[in-house]
Amino acid sequence: MNSQAKPTWTGEDKLSRFVNLLIRTKPIYAVMRSQARRVMIKTAQKNNIPWKQNVQKLENAIARTGPDQTLASVSNPNIKDYPDYYKKPFHAYDEGNLCWTAAFEAESATYATALRVWPQETLTWETAQQRMRGSFFELIDQHAPNPVNDVLDIGCSVGISTRAIHAHYANKQAQPPRTVGLDLSPYMLSIAHLRNEDGSIAEWLHANAEETGLPSDSFDVIALQSILHELPHGITPIILQEAKRLLRPGGCIAIFDSNPESAVIQSLPPVLFTLMKSTEPWSDDYYTFDVESALYDSGFEHVVSAATDPRHRTLIARKPKYSDD
């Protein structure tokens, strides 16, 4: 464990233990989750994100093709069950990411999340998204190979992050990269397929990030965008090892997630951090986990960590060009 500051509402601090006790009290937990969802929807609608309309459009589109047929078309038959950590209720859904409601609402929720980064500024959700992701891509560009031919977006959800990183490189270099979006939820991947109107993302892969089944040394950049805070600390090193296997020598891993040292995160009002913890069961694991050390322990080098906006940090690390083996 490093000496990084962490919010007092995480880990073993007295405040954290009290909040966790509230969350374990089922009637209180149910109210917390419901309220957390209301806050997200209210934030979205207040900022002209048509939450209900977006959900209705997606529901109608999936109904036309048939929910069961849609799931079958994206599902990996080799995945017979899901890890226990993935089946926990989170994001205010009993089934976590393994349900249609989560998939229908993910896009609007993602746009609302970006707006929370700059609450004092009057931004459209489009501008907030571009600014948040743009600062992430700028740091990657300082360390990634040139050109970037193959990109893997681990934990791609409904594909917003995948389309964004693909568009970044498509606009930056003569030849667009081959971009793969990987996720463990067939529900999310169904929406990713649907929303990929231009067909620019050729591959959406239903797979477990701990063991992807992809060939070694096959990507120049691997991104994990807002994923680590959804993982127990024992799983993160396994995924980092898998990412290192998949990267070509000299390729880089790029991690974007909440910044434990952010003044905004540190000073969240009690109501907000309580609501956050009620929908993020692995937040204690994330905020007390030393990601930088885990990257070095996994064999990466030149680890860089930077606050790229008021709430988030970006970590970049490179797979060594030469092996000692």
C-alpha atoms as a PDB file:
ATOM      1  CA  MET A   1       0.000   0.000   0.000  1.00  0.00           C
ATOM      2  CA  ASN A   2       1.396   3.405  -0.932  1.00  0.00           C
ATOM      3  CA  SER A   3       0.998   6.629   0.977  1.00  0.00           C
ATOM      4  CA  GLN A   4      -1.631   8.088  -1.337  1.00  0.00           C
ATOM      5  CA  ALA A   5      -4.423  10.003   0.287  1.00  0.00           C
ATOM      6  CA  LYS A   6      -7.764   8.265   0.200  1.00  0.00           C
ATOM      7  CA  PRO A   7     -11.228   9.544   1.030  1.00  0.00           C
ATOM      8  CA  THR A   8     -12.156   9.045   4.669  1.00  0.00           C
ATOM      9  CA  TRP A   9     -15.385   7.412   3.524  1.00  0.00           C
ATOM     10  CA  THR A  10     -13.455   4.387   2.198  1.00  0.00           C
ATOM     11  CA  GLY A  11     -11.375   1.643   3.760  1.00  0.00           C
ATOM     12  CA  GLU A  12     -11.393   0.955   7.494  1.00  0.00           C
ATOM     13  CA  ASP A  13     -11.953   4.498   8.746  1.00  0.00           C
ATOM     14  CA  LYS A  14     -14.761   4.915  11.278  1.00  0.00           C
ATOM     15  CA  LEU A  15     -16.877   6.888   8.798  1.00  0.00           C
ATOM     16  CA  SER A  16     -16.430   4.204   6.143  1.00  0.00           C
ATOM     17  CA  ARG A  17     -17.427   1.425   8.531  1.00  0.00           C
ATOM     18  CA  PHE A  18     -20.559   3.346   9.502  1.00  0.00           C
ATOM     19  CA  VAL A  19     -21.581   3.883   5.873  1.00  0.00           C
ATOM     20  CA  ASN A  20     -20.935   0.203   5.123  1.00  0.00           C
ATOM     21  CA  LEU A  21     -23.152  -0.744   8.052  1.00  0.00           C
ATOM     22  CA  LEU A  22     -25.948   1.371   6.601  1.00  0.00           C
ATOM     23  CA  ILE A  23     -25.510  -0.283   3.215  1.00  0.00           C
ATOM     24  CA  ARG A  24     -25.738  -3.744   4.782  1.00  0.00           C
ATOM     25  CA  THR A  25     -29.090  -2.784   6.346  1.00  0.00           C
ATOM     26  CA  LYS A  26     -31.477  -3.922   3.624  1.00  0.00           C
ATOM     27  CA  PRO A  27     -34.338  -1.409   4.035  1.00  0.00           C
ATOM     28  CA  ILE A  28     -31.879   1.505   4.179  1.00  0.00           C
ATOM     29  CA  TYR A  29     -29.886   0.078   1.270  1.00  0.00           C
ATOM     30  CA  ALA A  30     -32.998  -0.123  -0.893  1.00  0.00           C
ATOM     31  CA  VAL A  31     -33.740   3.551  -0.241  1.00  0.00           C
ATOM     32  CA  MET A  32     -30.123   4.527  -0.989  1.00  0.00           C
ATOM     33  CA  ARG A  33     -30.075   2.742  -4.324  1.00  0.00           C
ATOM     34  CA  SER A  34     -33.396   4.198  -5.364  1.00  0.00           C
ATOM     35  CA  GLN A  35     -32.261   7.690  -4.413  1.00  0.00           C
ATOM     36  CA  ALA A  36     -28.933   7.275  -6.227  1.00  0.00           C
ATOM     37  CA  ARG A  37     -30.781   6.409  -9.417  1.00  0.00           C
ATOM     38  CA  ARG A  38     -33.103   9.389  -9.022  1.00  0.00           C
ATOM     39  CA  VAL A  39     -30.122  11.722  -8.625  1.00  0.00           C
ATOM     40  CA  MET A  40     -28.540  10.379 -11.813  1.00  0.00           C
ATOM     41  CA  ILE A  41     -31.743  10.715 -13.839  1.00  0.00           C
ATOM     42  CA  LYS A  42     -32.403  14.199 -12.456  1.00  0.00           C
ATOM     43  CA  THR A  43     -28.870  15.313 -13.342  1.00  0.00           C
ATOM     44  CA  ALA A  44     -29.303  13.990 -16.860  1.00  0.00           C
ATOM     45  CA  GLN A  45     -32.679  15.554 -17.516  1.00  0.00           C
ATOM     46  CA  LYS A  46     -31.649  18.887 -16.013  1.00  0.00           C
ATOM     47  CA  ASN A  47     -28.846  18.987 -18.573  1.00  0.00           C
ATOM     48  CA  ASN A  48     -30.984  18.144 -21.586  1.00  0.00           C
ATOM     49  CA  ILE A  49     -30.117  14.462 -21.743  1.00  0.00           C
ATOM     50  CA  PRO A  50     -33.416  12.840 -22.785  1.00  0.00           C
ATOM     51  CA  TRP A  51     -33.131   9.853 -20.451  1.00  0.00           C
ATOM     52  CA  LYS A  52     -36.619   8.412 -20.907  1.00  0.00           C
ATOM     53  CA  GLN A  53     -36.635   8.988 -24.660  1.00  0.00           C
ATOM     54  CA  ASN A  54     -33.230   7.339 -25.060  1.00  0.00           C
ATOM     55  CA  VAL A  55     -34.380   4.310 -23.093  1.00  0.00           C
ATOM     56  CA  GLN A  56     -37.581   4.037 -25.125  1.00  0.00           C
ATOM     57  CA  LYS A  57     -35.711   4.149 -28.445  1.00  0.00           C
ATOM     58  CA  LEU A  58     -33.394   1.353 -27.383  1.00  0.00           C
ATOM     59  CA  GLU A  59     -36.231  -0.743 -25.976  1.00  0.00           C
ATOM     60  CA  ASN A  60     -38.088  -0.413 -29.275  1.00  0.00           C
ATOM     61  CA  ALA A  61     -35.015  -1.318 -31.324  1.00  0.00           C
ATOM     62  CA  ILE A  62     -34.306  -4.450 -29.269  1.00  0.00           C
ATOM     63  CA  ALA A  63     -37.989  -5.427 -29.354  1.00  0.00           C
ATOM     64  CA  ARG A  64     -37.932  -5.351 -33.158  1.00  0.00           C
ATOM     65  CA  THR A  65     -35.122  -7.909 -33.368  1.00  0.00           C
ATOM     66  CA  GLY A  66     -36.192  -9.815 -30.260  1.00  0.00           C
ATOM     67  CA  PRO A  67     -34.322  -9.699 -26.911  1.00  0.00           C
ATOM     68  CA  ASP A  68     -33.446 -13.400 -26.881  1.00  0.00           C
ATOM     69  CA  GLN A  69     -32.229 -13.402 -30.483  1.00  0.00           C
ATOM     70  CA  THR A  70     -30.187 -10.259 -29.853  1.00  0.00           C
ATOM     71  CA  LEU A  71     -28.462 -11.758 -26.820  1.00  0.00           C
ATOM     72  CA  ALA A  72     -27.759 -14.984 -28.687  1.00  0.00           C
ATOM     73  CA  SER A  73     -26.121 -13.068 -31.521  1.00  0.00           C
ATOM     74  CA  VAL A  74     -23.496 -11.489 -29.251  1.00  0.00           C
ATOM     75  CA  SER A  75     -23.077 -14.094 -26.506  1.00  0.00           C
ATOM     76  CA  ASN A  76     -19.986 -16.242 -26.203  1.00  0.00           C
ATOM     77  CA  PRO A  77     -21.172 -19.861 -25.789  1.00  0.00           C
ATOM     78  CA  ASN A  78     -18.032 -20.652 -23.791  1.00  0.00           C
ATOM     79  CA  ILE A  79     -19.166 -18.365 -20.968  1.00  0.00           C
ATOM     80  CA  LYS A  80     -21.333 -20.634 -18.846  1.00  0.00           C
ATOM     81  CA  ASP A  81     -21.321 -18.533 -15.677  1.00  0.00           C
ATOM     82  CA  TYR A  82     -20.133 -15.167 -14.426  1.00  0.00           C
ATOM     83  CA  PRO A  83     -17.671 -14.399 -11.617  1.00  0.00           C
ATOM     84  CA  ASP A  84     -19.265 -13.827  -8.225  1.00  0.00           C
ATOM     85  CA  TYR A  85     -17.982 -10.253  -8.054  1.00  0.00           C
ATOM     86  CA  TYR A  86     -19.754  -9.465 -11.335  1.00  0.00           C
ATOM     87  CA  LYS A  87     -23.110 -10.739 -10.128  1.00  0.00           C
ATOM     88  CA  LYS A  88     -23.323  -8.342  -7.197  1.00  0.00           C
ATOM     89  CA  PRO A  89     -25.950  -5.578  -7.377  1.00  0.00           C
ATOM     90  CA  PHE A  90     -24.340  -2.356  -8.498  1.00  0.00           C
ATOM     91  CA  HIS A  91     -25.251   0.846 -10.312  1.00  0.00           C
ATOM     92  CA  ALA A  92     -28.659   0.606  -8.611  1.00  0.00           C
ATOM     93  CA  TYR A  93     -29.546  -2.610 -10.487  1.00  0.00           C
ATOM     94  CA  ASP A  94     -30.124  -5.932  -8.706  1.00  0.00           C
ATOM     95  CA  GLU A  95     -28.515  -7.789 -11.616  1.00  0.00           C
ATOM     96  CA  GLY A  96     -25.676  -5.300 -12.092  1.00  0.00           C
ATOM     97  CA  ASN A  97     -24.755  -5.148 -15.777  1.00  0.00           C
ATOM     98  CA  LEU A  98     -26.576  -8.380 -16.558  1.00  0.00           C
ATOM     99  CA  CYS A  99     -29.955  -6.884 -17.395  1.00  0.00           C
ATOM    100  CA  TRP A 100     -31.637  -4.864 -20.111  1.00  0.00           C
ATOM    101  CA  THR A 101     -32.464  -1.907 -17.853  1.00  0.00           C
ATOM    102  CA  ALA A 102     -28.794  -1.301 -17.132  1.00  0.00           C
ATOM    103  CA  ALA A 103     -27.970  -1.534 -20.825  1.00  0.00           C
ATOM    104  CA  PHE A 104     -30.779   0.815 -21.878  1.00  0.00           C
ATOM    105  CA  GLU A 105     -29.763   3.439 -19.299  1.00  0.00           C
ATOM    106  CA  ALA A 106     -25.963   3.174 -19.538  1.00  0.00           C
ATOM    107  CA  GLU A 107     -25.520   5.736 -22.299  1.00  0.00           C
ATOM    108  CA  SER A 108     -27.519   8.478 -20.591  1.00  0.00           C
ATOM    109  CA  ALA A 109     -25.867   7.695 -17.245  1.00  0.00           C
ATOM    110  CA  THR A 110     -22.416   7.987 -18.826  1.00  0.00           C
ATOM    111  CA  TYR A 111     -23.234  11.400 -20.269  1.00  0.00           C
ATOM    112  CA  ALA A 112     -24.567  12.583 -16.902  1.00  0.00           C
ATOM    113  CA  THR A 113     -21.392  11.400 -15.170  1.00  0.00           C
ATOM    114  CA  ALA A 114     -19.242  13.641 -17.361  1.00  0.00           C
ATOM    115  CA  LEU A 115     -21.367  16.656 -16.455  1.00  0.00           C
ATOM    116  CA  ARG A 116     -20.583  16.128 -12.756  1.00  0.00           C
ATOM    117  CA  VAL A 117     -16.885  16.754 -13.420  1.00  0.00           C
ATOM    118  CA  TRP A 118     -17.400  20.500 -13.927  1.00  0.00           C
ATOM    119  CA  PRO A 119     -20.533  21.360 -11.907  1.00  0.00           C
ATOM    120  CA  GLN A 120     -19.712  25.090 -11.750  1.00  0.00           C
ATOM    121  CA  GLU A 121     -19.513  25.441 -15.529  1.00  0.00           C
ATOM    122  CA  THR A 122     -22.373  25.612 -17.989  1.00  0.00           C
ATOM    123  CA  LEU A 123     -21.512  22.800 -20.382  1.00  0.00           C
ATOM    124  CA  THR A 124     -23.527  20.672 -22.737  1.00  0.00           C
ATOM    125  CA  TRP A 125     -23.190  16.958 -22.163  1.00  0.00           C
ATOM    126  CA  GLU A 126     -21.434  16.686 -25.526  1.00  0.00           C
ATOM    127  CA  THR A 127     -18.788  19.238 -24.509  1.00  0.00           C
ATOM    128  CA  ALA A 128     -18.292  17.592 -21.118  1.00  0.00           C
ATOM    129  CA  GLN A 129     -17.764  14.198 -22.770  1.00  0.00           C
ATOM    130  CA  GLN A 130     -15.285  15.580 -25.269  1.00  0.00           C
ATOM    131  CA  ARG A 131     -13.304  17.420 -22.607  1.00  0.00           C
ATOM    132  CA  MET A 132     -13.189  14.458 -20.229  1.00  0.00           C
ATOM    133  CA  ARG A 133     -12.115  11.920 -22.841  1.00  0.00           C
ATOM    134  CA  GLY A 134      -9.904  14.376 -24.709  1.00  0.00           C
ATOM    135  CA  SER A 135      -7.620  14.894 -21.712  1.00  0.00           C
ATOM    136  CA  PHE A 136      -7.295  11.101 -21.411  1.00  0.00           C
ATOM    137  CA  PHE A 137      -6.377  10.690 -25.071  1.00  0.00           C
ATOM    138  CA  GLU A 138      -3.847  13.532 -24.923  1.00  0.00           C
ATOM    139  CA  LEU A 139      -1.861  11.719 -22.248  1.00  0.00           C
ATOM    140  CA  ILE A 140      -2.018   8.423 -24.138  1.00  0.00           C
ATOM    141  CA  ASP A 141      -0.607  10.151 -27.219  1.00  0.00           C
ATOM    142  CA  GLN A 142       2.510  11.105 -25.278  1.00  0.00           C
ATOM    143  CA  HIS A 143       3.368   7.459 -24.611  1.00  0.00           C
ATOM    144  CA  ALA A 144       1.691   5.218 -27.215  1.00  0.00           C
ATOM    145  CA  PRO A 145       3.447   3.818 -30.299  1.00  0.00           C
ATOM    146  CA  ASN A 146       3.025   5.698 -33.563  1.00  0.00           C
ATOM    147  CA  PRO A 147       1.043   4.649 -35.465  1.00  0.00           C
ATOM    148  CA  VAL A 148      -1.500   2.787 -33.363  1.00  0.00           C
ATOM    149  CA  ASN A 149      -2.719  -0.132 -35.457  1.00  0.00           C
ATOM    150  CA  ASP A 150      -4.712  -2.178 -32.937  1.00  0.00           C
ATOM    151  CA  VAL A 151      -6.702  -0.984 -29.909  1.00  0.00           C
ATOM    152  CA  LEU A 152      -8.498  -3.024 -27.245  1.00  0.00           C
ATOM    153  CA  ASP A 153     -11.092  -1.348 -25.005  1.00  0.00           C
ATOM    154  CA  ILE A 154     -11.586  -3.590 -21.968  1.00  0.00           C
ATOM    155  CA  GLY A 155     -14.910  -3.170 -20.195  1.00  0.00           C
ATOM    156  CA  CYS A 156     -16.416  -1.318 -23.140  1.00  0.00           C
ATOM    157  CA  SER A 157     -20.009  -1.377 -21.812  1.00  0.00           C
ATOM    158  CA  VAL A 158     -22.329   0.019 -24.510  1.00  0.00           C
ATOM    159  CA  GLY A 159     -19.403   1.186 -26.615  1.00  0.00           C
ATOM    160  CA  ILE A 160     -19.194   4.921 -25.904  1.00  0.00           C
ATOM    161  CA  SER A 161     -15.576   4.637 -24.778  1.00  0.00           C
ATOM    162  CA  THR A 162     -14.723   2.335 -27.702  1.00  0.00           C
ATOM    163  CA  ARG A 163     -16.178   4.592 -30.354  1.00  0.00           C
ATOM    164  CA  ALA A 164     -14.450   7.599 -28.786  1.00  0.00           C
ATOM    165  CA  ILE A 165     -10.954   6.093 -28.768  1.00  0.00           C
ATOM    166  CA  HIS A 166     -11.430   4.696 -32.268  1.00  0.00           C
ATOM    167  CA  ALA A 167     -12.525   8.122 -33.567  1.00  0.00           C
ATOM    168  CA  HIS A 168      -9.520   9.738 -31.880  1.00  0.00           C
ATOM    169  CA  TYR A 169      -7.054   7.600 -33.821  1.00  0.00           C
ATOM    170  CA  ALA A 170      -9.109   7.607 -37.002  1.00  0.00           C
ATOM    171  CA  ASN A 171      -8.866  11.422 -37.002  1.00  0.00           C
ATOM    172  CA  LYS A 172      -5.231  11.485 -35.921  1.00  0.00           C
ATOM    173  CA  GLN A 173      -3.544   9.104 -38.335  1.00  0.00           C
ATOM    174  CA  ALA A 174      -3.815   8.126 -41.981  1.00  0.00           C
ATOM    175  CA  GLN A 175      -5.110   4.606 -41.327  1.00  0.00           C
ATOM    176  CA  PRO A 176      -7.830   3.995 -38.708  1.00  0.00           C
ATOM    177  CA  PRO A 177      -6.904   1.294 -36.199  1.00  0.00           C
ATOM    178  CA  ARG A 178      -8.568  -2.052 -35.762  1.00  0.00           C
ATOM    179  CA  THR A 179     -10.525  -1.458 -32.587  1.00  0.00           C
ATOM    180  CA  VAL A 180     -12.002  -4.189 -30.394  1.00  0.00           C
ATOM    181  CA  GLY A 181     -14.547  -3.576 -27.648  1.00  0.00           C
ATOM    182  CA  LEU A 182     -14.607  -6.268 -24.955  1.00  0.00           C
ATOM    183  CA  ASP A 183     -17.182  -6.671 -22.211  1.00  0.00           C
ATOM    184  CA  LEU A 184     -18.596  -9.402 -19.996  1.00  0.00           C
ATOM    185  CA  SER A 185     -22.221  -8.291 -20.376  1.00  0.00           C
ATOM    186  CA  PRO A 186     -24.050  -9.456 -23.520  1.00  0.00           C
ATOM    187  CA  TYR A 187     -26.740  -6.907 -22.708  1.00  0.00           C
ATOM    188  CA  MET A 188     -24.243  -4.042 -22.928  1.00  0.00           C
ATOM    189  CA  LEU A 189     -22.670  -5.502 -26.067  1.00  0.00           C
ATOM    190  CA  SER A 190     -26.104  -5.715 -27.698  1.00  0.00           C
ATOM    191  CA  ILE A 191     -26.439  -1.947 -27.355  1.00  0.00           C
ATOM    192  CA  ALA A 192     -22.839  -1.450 -28.490  1.00  0.00           C
ATOM    193  CA  HIS A 193     -23.647  -3.323 -31.702  1.00  0.00           C
ATOM    194  CA  LEU A 194     -26.841  -1.343 -32.177  1.00  0.00           C
ATOM    195  CA  ARG A 195     -25.211   2.061 -31.621  1.00  0.00           C
ATOM    196  CA  ASN A 196     -22.269   1.368 -33.917  1.00  0.00           C
ATOM    197  CA  GLU A 197     -24.224   2.812 -36.829  1.00  0.00           C
ATOM    198  CA  ASP A 198     -21.265   3.454 -39.114  1.00  0.00           C
ATOM    199  CA  GLY A 199     -19.789  -0.004 -38.585  1.00  0.00           C
ATOM    200  CA  SER A 200     -16.413   1.477 -37.658  1.00  0.00           C
ATOM    201  CA  ILE A 201     -15.901  -0.988 -34.797  1.00  0.00           C
ATOM    202  CA  ALA A 202     -15.569  -4.345 -36.490  1.00  0.00           C
ATOM    203  CA  GLU A 203     -15.287  -6.466 -33.347  1.00  0.00           C
ATOM    204  CA  TRP A 204     -17.340  -6.561 -30.171  1.00  0.00           C
ATOM    205  CA  LEU A 205     -16.165  -9.416 -27.995  1.00  0.00           C
ATOM    206  CA  HIS A 206     -18.105 -11.100 -25.198  1.00  0.00           C
ATOM    207  CA  ALA A 207     -15.304 -12.249 -22.910  1.00  0.00           C
ATOM    208  CA  ASN A 208     -13.896 -12.167 -19.400  1.00  0.00           C
ATOM    209  CA  ALA A 209     -11.103  -9.599 -19.061  1.00  0.00           C
ATOM    210  CA  GLU A 210      -9.130 -11.964 -16.818  1.00  0.00           C
ATOM    211  CA  GLU A 211      -8.855 -14.506 -19.643  1.00  0.00           C
ATOM    212  CA  THR A 212      -9.814 -12.994 -22.974  1.00  0.00           C
ATOM    213  CA  GLY A 213      -8.774 -15.813 -25.301  1.00  0.00           C
ATOM    214  CA  LEU A 214      -7.139 -13.260 -27.614  1.00  0.00           C
ATOM    215  CA  PRO A 215      -3.652 -13.894 -29.066  1.00  0.00           C
ATOM    216  CA  SER A 216      -0.559 -12.536 -27.339  1.00  0.00           C
ATOM    217  CA  ASP A 217       1.308  -9.478 -28.633  1.00  0.00           C
ATOM    218  CA  SER A 218      -1.655  -8.271 -30.704  1.00  0.00           C
ATOM    219  CA  PHE A 219      -2.431  -4.705 -29.536  1.00  0.00           C
ATOM    220  CA  ASP A 220      -0.617  -1.377 -29.405  1.00  0.00           C
ATOM    221  CA  VAL A 221      -2.958   0.259 -26.887  1.00  0.00           C
ATOM    222  CA  ILE A 222      -5.230  -1.313 -24.283  1.00  0.00           C
ATOM    223  CA  ALA A 223      -7.662   1.014 -22.513  1.00  0.00           C
ATOM    224  CA  LEU A 224      -9.583   0.455 -19.289  1.00  0.00           C
ATOM    225  CA  GLN A 225     -11.951   3.391 -18.980  1.00  0.00           C
ATOM    226  CA  SER A 226     -13.788   3.659 -15.637  1.00  0.00           C
ATOM    227  CA  ILE A 227     -13.403  -0.071 -14.987  1.00  0.00           C
ATOM    228  CA  LEU A 228     -11.026  -0.586 -12.044  1.00  0.00           C
ATOM    229  CA  HIS A 229     -13.421   0.922  -9.485  1.00  0.00           C
ATOM    230  CA  GLU A 230     -15.843  -1.895 -10.366  1.00  0.00           C
ATOM    231  CA  LEU A 231     -13.357  -4.642  -9.478  1.00  0.00           C
ATOM    232  CA  PRO A 232     -12.293  -6.270  -6.211  1.00  0.00           C
ATOM    233  CA  HIS A 233      -8.580  -5.716  -5.613  1.00  0.00           C
ATOM    234  CA  GLY A 234      -7.757  -9.393  -6.182  1.00  0.00           C
ATOM    235  CA  ILE A 235      -9.043  -9.256  -9.758  1.00  0.00           C
ATOM    236  CA  THR A 236      -7.222  -6.136 -10.946  1.00  0.00           C
ATOM    237  CA  PRO A 237      -3.706  -7.693 -11.004  1.00  0.00           C
ATOM    238  CA  ILE A 238      -5.023 -10.630 -13.049  1.00  0.00           C
ATOM    239  CA  ILE A 239      -6.448  -8.259 -15.650  1.00  0.00           C
ATOM    240  CA  LEU A 240      -3.217  -6.250 -15.715  1.00  0.00           C
ATOM    241  CA  GLN A 241      -1.246  -9.438 -16.383  1.00  0.00           C
ATOM    242  CA  GLU A 242      -3.623 -10.356 -19.193  1.00  0.00           C
ATOM    243  CA  ALA A 243      -3.283  -6.872 -20.681  1.00  0.00           C
ATOM    244  CA  LYS A 244       0.496  -7.170 -20.616  1.00  0.00           C
ATOM    245  CA  ARG A 245       0.272 -10.501 -22.448  1.00  0.00           C
ATOM    246  CA  LEU A 246      -1.946  -8.972 -25.123  1.00  0.00           C
ATOM    247  CA  LEU A 247       0.219  -5.895 -25.731  1.00  0.00           C
ATOM    248  CA  ARG A 248       3.002  -5.832 -28.262  1.00  0.00           C
ATOM    249  CA  PRO A 249       6.427  -4.934 -26.843  1.00  0.00           C
ATOM    250  CA  GLY A 250       6.438  -1.154 -26.496  1.00  0.00           C
ATOM    251  CA  GLY A 251       2.637  -1.002 -26.401  1.00  0.00           C
ATOM    252  CA  CYS A 252       0.869   0.789 -23.567  1.00  0.00           C
ATOM    253  CA  ILE A 253      -1.959   0.252 -21.144  1.00  0.00           C
ATOM    254  CA  ALA A 254      -4.094   3.329 -20.424  1.00  0.00           C
ATOM    255  CA  ILE A 255      -6.296   3.472 -17.322  1.00  0.00           C
ATOM    256  CA  PHE A 256      -8.890   6.174 -16.700  1.00  0.00           C
ATOM    257  CA  ASP A 257     -10.773   6.202 -13.406  1.00  0.00           C
ATOM    258  CA  SER A 258     -11.695   8.157 -10.290  1.00  0.00           C
ATOM    259  CA  ASN A 259      -8.792   9.891  -8.607  1.00  0.00           C
ATOM    260  CA  PRO A 260      -8.540   9.010  -4.886  1.00  0.00           C
ATOM    261  CA  GLU A 261      -6.526  12.208  -4.316  1.00  0.00           C
ATOM    262  CA  SER A 262      -9.009  14.482  -6.077  1.00  0.00           C
ATOM    263  CA  ALA A 263     -10.175  17.339  -3.870  1.00  0.00           C
ATOM    264  CA  VAL A 264     -13.667  16.838  -5.286  1.00  0.00           C
ATOM    265  CA  ILE A 265     -13.709  13.139  -4.385  1.00  0.00           C
ATOM    266  CA  GLN A 266     -12.130  13.769  -0.988  1.00  0.00           C
ATOM    267  CA  SER A 267     -14.727  16.348  -0.015  1.00  0.00           C
ATOM    268  CA  LEU A 268     -17.948  14.810  -1.339  1.00  0.00           C
ATOM    269  CA  PRO A 269     -20.903  15.654   0.917  1.00  0.00           C
ATOM    270  CA  PRO A 270     -22.010  12.761   3.155  1.00  0.00           C
ATOM    271  CA  VAL A 271     -25.212  12.204   1.200  1.00  0.00           C
ATOM    272  CA  LEU A 272     -23.345  11.866  -2.094  1.00  0.00           C
ATOM    273  CA  PHE A 273     -20.597   9.534  -0.924  1.00  0.00           C
ATOM    274  CA  THR A 274     -23.159   7.369   0.852  1.00  0.00           C
ATOM    275  CA  LEU A 275     -25.216   7.117  -2.332  1.00  0.00           C
ATOM    276  CA  MET A 276     -22.059   6.394  -4.332  1.00  0.00           C
ATOM    277  CA  LYS A 277     -20.993   3.550  -2.058  1.00  0.00           C
ATOM    278  CA  SER A 278     -24.466   2.047  -2.183  1.00  0.00           C
ATOM    279  CA  THR A 279     -24.119   1.587  -5.961  1.00  0.00           C
ATOM    280  CA  GLU A 280     -20.401   0.741  -6.113  1.00  0.00           C
ATOM    281  CA  PRO A 281     -19.772  -2.373  -3.978  1.00  0.00           C
ATOM    282  CA  TRP A 282     -16.028  -2.422  -4.692  1.00  0.00           C
ATOM    283  CA  SER A 283     -15.289   1.231  -3.952  1.00  0.00           C
ATOM    284  CA  ASP A 284     -13.345   0.426  -0.763  1.00  0.00           C
ATOM    285  CA  ASP A 285     -11.175  -2.002  -2.720  1.00  0.00           C
ATOM    286  CA  TYR A 286     -10.489   0.551  -5.432  1.00  0.00           C
ATOM    287  CA  TYR A 287      -9.741   3.595  -3.298  1.00  0.00           C
ATOM    288  CA  THR A 288      -7.317   1.680  -1.077  1.00  0.00           C
ATOM    289  CA  PHE A 289      -5.558  -0.163  -3.921  1.00  0.00           C
ATOM    290  CA  ASP A 290      -2.123   0.922  -5.165  1.00  0.00           C
ATOM    291  CA  VAL A 291      -2.604   0.748  -8.937  1.00  0.00           C
ATOM    292  CA  GLU A 292       0.853   2.142  -9.727  1.00  0.00           C
ATOM    293  CA  SER A 293       2.601  -0.592  -7.740  1.00  0.00           C
ATOM    294  CA  ALA A 294       0.355  -3.237  -9.283  1.00  0.00           C
ATOM    295  CA  LEU A 295       1.392  -2.086 -12.753  1.00  0.00           C
ATOM    296  CA  TYR A 296       5.083  -2.391 -11.876  1.00  0.00           C
ATOM    297  CA  ASP A 297       4.459  -5.767 -10.218  1.00  0.00           C
ATOM    298  CA  SER A 298       2.773  -6.940 -13.428  1.00  0.00           C
ATOM    299  CA  GLY A 299       5.917  -6.173 -15.408  1.00  0.00           C
ATOM    300  CA  PHE A 300       5.037  -2.781 -16.882  1.00  0.00           C
ATOM    301  CA  GLU A 301       7.516   0.094 -16.968  1.00  0.00           C
ATOM    302  CA  HIS A 302       7.465   3.893 -17.172  1.00  0.00           C
ATOM    303  CA  VAL A 303       4.272   4.220 -15.138  1.00  0.00           C
ATOM    304  CA  VAL A 304       2.825   7.725 -15.328  1.00  0.00           C
ATOM    305  CA  SER A 305      -0.079   8.940 -13.199  1.00  0.00           C
ATOM    306  CA  ALA A 306      -1.719  12.329 -13.732  1.00  0.00           C
ATOM    307  CA  ALA A 307      -4.914  14.104 -12.765  1.00  0.00           C
ATOM    308  CA  THR A 308      -6.525  14.695 -16.140  1.00  0.00           C
ATOM    309  CA  ASP A 309      -9.660  16.433 -14.828  1.00  0.00           C
ATOM    310  CA  PRO A 310     -10.990  17.478 -11.402  1.00  0.00           C
ATOM    311  CA  ARG A 311     -12.396  14.016 -10.579  1.00  0.00           C
ATOM    312  CA  HIS A 312     -10.314  11.539 -12.584  1.00  0.00           C
ATOM    313  CA  ARG A 313      -6.767  10.379 -13.109  1.00  0.00           C
ATOM    314  CA  THR A 314      -5.058   8.642 -15.982  1.00  0.00           C
ATOM    315  CA  LEU A 315      -2.348   6.023 -15.580  1.00  0.00           C
ATOM    316  CA  ILE A 316      -0.182   5.027 -18.522  1.00  0.00           C
ATOM    317  CA  ALA A 317       2.369   2.211 -18.504  1.00  0.00           C
ATOM    318  CA  ARG A 318       4.372   0.486 -21.190  1.00  0.00           C
ATOM    319  CA  LYS A 319       5.171  -3.133 -21.882  1.00  0.00           C
ATOM    320  CA  PRO A 320       8.973  -3.422 -22.092  1.00  0.00           C
ATOM    321  CA  LYS A 321      10.362  -3.611 -25.605  1.00  0.00           C
ATOM    322  CA  TYR A 322      12.830  -6.248 -24.540  1.00  0.00           C
ATOM    323  CA  SER A 323      12.289  -9.197 -22.246  1.00  0.00           C
ATOM    324  CA  ASP A 324      14.776 -10.537 -19.715  1.00  0.00           C
ATOM    325  CA  ASP A 325      13.571 -14.064 -20.440  1.00  0.00           C
END
